[in-house]
PDB file of N, CA and C in Angstrom:
ATOM      1  N   UNK A   1      19.871   8.996  26.167  1.00  0.00           N
ATOM      2  CA  UNK A   1      19.647   8.462  24.788  1.00  0.00           C
ATOM      3  C   UNK A   1      18.605   7.253  24.798  1.00  0.00           C
ATOM      4  N   UNK A   2      18.707   6.461  25.834  1.00  0.00           N
ATOM      5  CA  UNK A   2      17.725   5.375  25.926  1.00  0.00           C
ATOM      6  C   UNK A   2      16.321   5.798  26.030  1.00  0.00           C
ATOM      7  N   UNK A   3      16.053   6.890  26.813  1.00  0.00           N
ATOM      8  CA  UNK A   3      14.709   7.383  26.945  1.00  0.00           C
ATOM      9  C   UNK A   3      14.212   7.915  25.681  1.00  0.00           C
ATOM     10  N   UNK A   4      15.051   8.471  24.782  1.00  0.00           N
ATOM     11  CA  UNK A   4      14.611   8.967  23.564  1.00  0.00           C
ATOM     12  C   UNK A   4      14.245   7.937  22.601  1.00  0.00           C
ATOM     13  N   UNK A   5      14.874   6.697  22.662  1.00  0.00           N
ATOM     14  CA  UNK A   5      14.550   5.613  21.835  1.00  0.00           C
ATOM     15  C   UNK A   5      13.238   5.008  22.257  1.00  0.00           C
ATOM     16  N   UNK A   6      12.915   4.966  23.580  1.00  0.00           N
ATOM     17  CA  UNK A   6      11.613   4.483  24.059  1.00  0.00           C
ATOM     18  C   UNK A   6      10.467   5.499  23.624  1.00  0.00           C
ATOM     19  N   UNK A   7      10.699   6.774  23.736  1.00  0.00           N
ATOM     20  CA  UNK A   7       9.732   7.731  23.302  1.00  0.00           C
ATOM     21  C   UNK A   7       9.447   7.639  21.853  1.00  0.00           C
ATOM     22  N   UNK A   8      10.430   7.528  20.949  1.00  0.00           N
ATOM     23  CA  UNK A   8      10.242   7.340  19.567  1.00  0.00           C
ATOM     24  C   UNK A   8       9.519   5.988  19.238  1.00  0.00           C
ATOM     25  N   UNK A   9       9.787   4.958  19.989  1.00  0.00           N
ATOM     26  CA  UNK A   9       9.164   3.670  19.729  1.00  0.00           C
ATOM     27  C   UNK A   9       7.696   3.780  20.137  1.00  0.00           C
ATOM     28  N   UNK A  10       7.401   4.386  21.146  1.00  0.00           N
ATOM     29  CA  UNK A  10       5.941   4.542  21.672  1.00  0.00           C
ATOM     30  C   UNK A  10       5.235   5.391  20.637  1.00  0.00           C
ATOM     31  N   UNK A  11       5.838   6.447  20.155  1.00  0.00           N
ATOM     32  CA  UNK A  11       5.137   7.273  19.230  1.00  0.00           C
ATOM     33  C   UNK A  11       4.816   6.569  17.977  1.00  0.00           C
ATOM     34  N   UNK A  12       5.776   5.763  17.506  1.00  0.00           N
ATOM     35  CA  UNK A  12       5.652   4.990  16.248  1.00  0.00           C
ATOM     36  C   UNK A  12       4.549   3.913  16.443  1.00  0.00           C
ATOM     37  N   UNK A  13       4.541   3.208  17.667  1.00  0.00           N
ATOM     38  CA  UNK A  13       3.530   2.215  17.832  1.00  0.00           C
ATOM     39  C   UNK A  13       2.121   2.843  17.924  1.00  0.00           C
ATOM     40  N   UNK A  14       2.040   4.010  18.492  1.00  0.00           N
ATOM     41  CA  UNK A  14       0.728   4.751  18.512  1.00  0.00           C
ATOM     42  C   UNK A  14       0.350   5.096  17.164  1.00  0.00           C
ATOM     43  N   UNK A  15       1.308   5.585  16.301  1.00  0.00           N
ATOM     44  CA  UNK A  15       0.994   6.013  14.947  1.00  0.00           C
ATOM     45  C   UNK A  15       0.561   4.705  14.120  1.00  0.00           C
ATOM     46  N   UNK A  16       1.252   3.648  14.373  1.00  0.00           N
ATOM     47  CA  UNK A  16       0.902   2.421  13.674  1.00  0.00           C
ATOM     48  C   UNK A  16      -0.532   1.961  14.069  1.00  0.00           C
ATOM     49  N   UNK A  17      -0.882   2.021  15.367  1.00  0.00           N
ATOM     50  CA  UNK A  17      -2.140   1.573  15.780  1.00  0.00           C
ATOM     51  C   UNK A  17      -3.249   2.462  15.248  1.00  0.00           C
ATOM     52  N   UNK A  18      -3.049   3.815  15.190  1.00  0.00           N
ATOM     53  CA  UNK A  18      -3.968   4.748  14.643  1.00  0.00           C
ATOM     54  C   UNK A  18      -4.136   4.542  13.162  1.00  0.00           C
ATOM     55  N   UNK A  19      -3.048   4.343  12.478  1.00  0.00           N
ATOM     56  CA  UNK A  19      -3.157   4.153  10.946  1.00  0.00           C
ATOM     57  C   UNK A  19      -3.781   2.821  10.645  1.00  0.00           C
ATOM     58  N   UNK A  20      -3.481   1.734  11.452  1.00  0.00           N
ATOM     59  CA  UNK A  20      -3.991   0.405  11.151  1.00  0.00           C
ATOM     60  C   UNK A  20      -5.447   0.295  11.363  1.00  0.00           C
ATOM     61  N   UNK A  21      -6.024   0.958  12.435  1.00  0.00           N
ATOM     62  CA  UNK A  21      -7.435   0.795  12.672  1.00  0.00           C
ATOM     63  C   UNK A  21      -8.336   1.864  11.953  1.00  0.00           C
ATOM     64  N   UNK A  22      -7.755   3.082  11.619  1.00  0.00           N
ATOM     65  CA  UNK A  22      -8.478   4.069  11.152  1.00  0.00           C
ATOM     66  C   UNK A  22      -8.294   4.378   9.620  1.00  0.00           C
ATOM     67  N   UNK A  23      -7.073   4.136   9.147  1.00  0.00           N
ATOM     68  CA  UNK A  23      -6.739   4.447   7.749  1.00  0.00           C
ATOM     69  C   UNK A  23      -6.524   3.218   6.893  1.00  0.00           C
ATOM     70  N   UNK A  24      -6.768   2.134   7.413  1.00  0.00           N
ATOM     71  CA  UNK A  24      -6.555   0.842   6.586  1.00  0.00           C
ATOM     72  C   UNK A  24      -5.034   0.440   6.680  1.00  0.00           C
ATOM     73  N   UNK A  25      -4.786  -0.712   6.325  1.00  0.00           N
ATOM     74  CA  UNK A  25      -3.448  -1.254   6.349  1.00  0.00           C
ATOM     75  C   UNK A  25      -2.720  -0.962   5.117  1.00  0.00           C
ATOM     76  N   UNK A  26      -1.693  -0.090   5.132  1.00  0.00           N
ATOM     77  CA  UNK A  26      -0.842   0.172   4.094  1.00  0.00           C
ATOM     78  C   UNK A  26       0.547  -0.132   4.409  1.00  0.00           C
ATOM     79  N   UNK A  27       1.457  -0.189   3.542  1.00  0.00           N
ATOM     80  CA  UNK A  27       2.918  -0.573   3.712  1.00  0.00           C
ATOM     81  C   UNK A  27       3.585   0.352   4.765  1.00  0.00           C
ATOM     82  N   UNK A  28       3.338   1.551   4.687  1.00  0.00           N
ATOM     83  CA  UNK A  28       3.969   2.542   5.557  1.00  0.00           C
ATOM     84  C   UNK A  28       3.582   2.381   7.018  1.00  0.00           C
ATOM     85  N   UNK A  29       2.354   1.956   7.245  1.00  0.00           N
ATOM     86  CA  UNK A  29       1.906   1.751   8.569  1.00  0.00           C
ATOM     87  C   UNK A  29       2.722   0.469   9.234  1.00  0.00           C
ATOM     88  N   UNK A  30       2.917  -0.504   8.406  1.00  0.00           N
ATOM     89  CA  UNK A  30       3.646  -1.666   9.083  1.00  0.00           C
ATOM     90  C   UNK A  30       5.071  -1.343   9.132  1.00  0.00           C
ATOM     91  N   UNK A  31       5.658  -0.472   8.352  1.00  0.00           N
ATOM     92  CA  UNK A  31       7.033  -0.102   8.482  1.00  0.00           C
ATOM     93  C   UNK A  31       7.167   0.645   9.755  1.00  0.00           C
ATOM     94  N   UNK A  32       6.241   1.468  10.200  1.00  0.00           N
ATOM     95  CA  UNK A  32       6.343   2.136  11.427  1.00  0.00           C
ATOM     96  C   UNK A  32       6.441   1.189  12.574  1.00  0.00           C
ATOM     97  N   UNK A  33       5.674   0.119  12.520  1.00  0.00           N
ATOM     98  CA  UNK A  33       5.801  -0.927  13.577  1.00  0.00           C
ATOM     99  C   UNK A  33       7.116  -1.629  13.605  1.00  0.00           C
ATOM    100  N   UNK A  34       7.633  -1.922  12.446  1.00  0.00           N
ATOM    101  CA  UNK A  34       8.902  -2.538  12.360  1.00  0.00           C
ATOM    102  C   UNK A  34      10.000  -1.596  12.966  1.00  0.00           C
ATOM    103  N   UNK A  35       9.987  -0.352  12.649  1.00  0.00           N
ATOM    104  CA  UNK A  35      10.909   0.642  13.129  1.00  0.00           C
ATOM    105  C   UNK A  35      10.777   0.816  14.669  1.00  0.00           C
ATOM    106  N   UNK A  36       9.574   0.771  15.133  1.00  0.00           N
ATOM    107  CA  UNK A  36       9.370   0.853  16.640  1.00  0.00           C
ATOM    108  C   UNK A  36       9.961  -0.265  17.368  1.00  0.00           C
ATOM    109  N   UNK A  37       9.726  -1.588  16.752  1.00  0.00           N
ATOM    110  CA  UNK A  37      10.333  -2.809  17.408  1.00  0.00           C
ATOM    111  C   UNK A  37      11.768  -2.798  17.325  1.00  0.00           C
ATOM    112  N   UNK A  38      12.387  -2.318  16.309  1.00  0.00           N
ATOM    113  CA  UNK A  38      13.887  -2.245  16.186  1.00  0.00           C
ATOM    114  C   UNK A  38      14.383  -1.161  17.230  1.00  0.00           C
ATOM    115  N   UNK A  39      13.668  -0.089  17.471  1.00  0.00           N
ATOM    116  CA  UNK A  39      14.140   0.865  18.476  1.00  0.00           C
ATOM    117  C   UNK A  39      14.090   0.293  19.871  1.00  0.00           C
ATOM    118  N   UNK A  40      12.984  -0.447  20.153  1.00  0.00           N
ATOM    119  CA  UNK A  40      12.899  -1.102  21.424  1.00  0.00           C
ATOM    120  C   UNK A  40      13.992  -2.219  21.685  1.00  0.00           C
ATOM    121  N   UNK A  41      14.177  -2.966  20.595  1.00  0.00           N
ATOM    122  CA  UNK A  41      15.274  -3.943  20.734  1.00  0.00           C
ATOM    123  C   UNK A  41      16.630  -3.327  20.951  1.00  0.00           C
ATOM    124  N   UNK A  42      16.982  -2.224  20.259  1.00  0.00           N
ATOM    125  CA  UNK A  42      18.205  -1.551  20.419  1.00  0.00           C
ATOM    126  C   UNK A  42      18.348  -1.089  21.850  1.00  0.00           C
ATOM    127  N   UNK A  43      17.289  -0.530  22.373  1.00  0.00           N
ATOM    128  CA  UNK A  43      17.225  -0.092  23.795  1.00  0.00           C
ATOM    129  C   UNK A  43      17.515  -1.171  24.736  1.00  0.00           C
ATOM    130  N   UNK A  44      16.968  -2.278  24.541  1.00  0.00           N
ATOM    131  CA  UNK A  44      17.196  -3.507  25.440  1.00  0.00           C
ATOM    132  C   UNK A  44      18.557  -4.013  25.317  1.00  0.00           C
ATOM    133  N   UNK A  45      19.098  -4.145  24.084  1.00  0.00           N
ATOM    134  CA  UNK A  45      20.442  -4.590  23.898  1.00  0.00           C
ATOM    135  C   UNK A  45      21.427  -3.760  24.471  1.00  0.00           C
ATOM    136  N   UNK A  46      21.274  -2.472  24.265  1.00  0.00           N
ATOM    137  CA  UNK A  46      22.335  -1.483  24.859  1.00  0.00           C
ATOM    138  C   UNK A  46      22.295  -1.489  26.334  1.00  0.00           C
ATOM    139  N   UNK A  47      21.140  -1.723  26.941  1.00  0.00           N
ATOM    140  CA  UNK A  47      21.043  -1.706  28.445  1.00  0.00           C
ATOM    141  C   UNK A  47      21.772  -3.022  29.068  1.00  0.00           C
ATOM    142  N   UNK A  48      21.735  -4.117  28.277  1.00  0.00           N
ATOM    143  CA  UNK A  48      22.288  -5.315  28.838  1.00  0.00           C
ATOM    144  C   UNK A  48      23.853  -5.356  28.685  1.00  0.00           C
TER     145      UNK A  48
END
């Protein structure tokens, strides 16, 4: 399950970077970044 969270987080960060640099900054792009950070934090917290 932890690997799945990291995969989802990486996909969301890549999507955020692509959207931020190529499609302009919209609300949904920044929401993807927040979701990715939350997924990474959950993975770190669950591991500890």
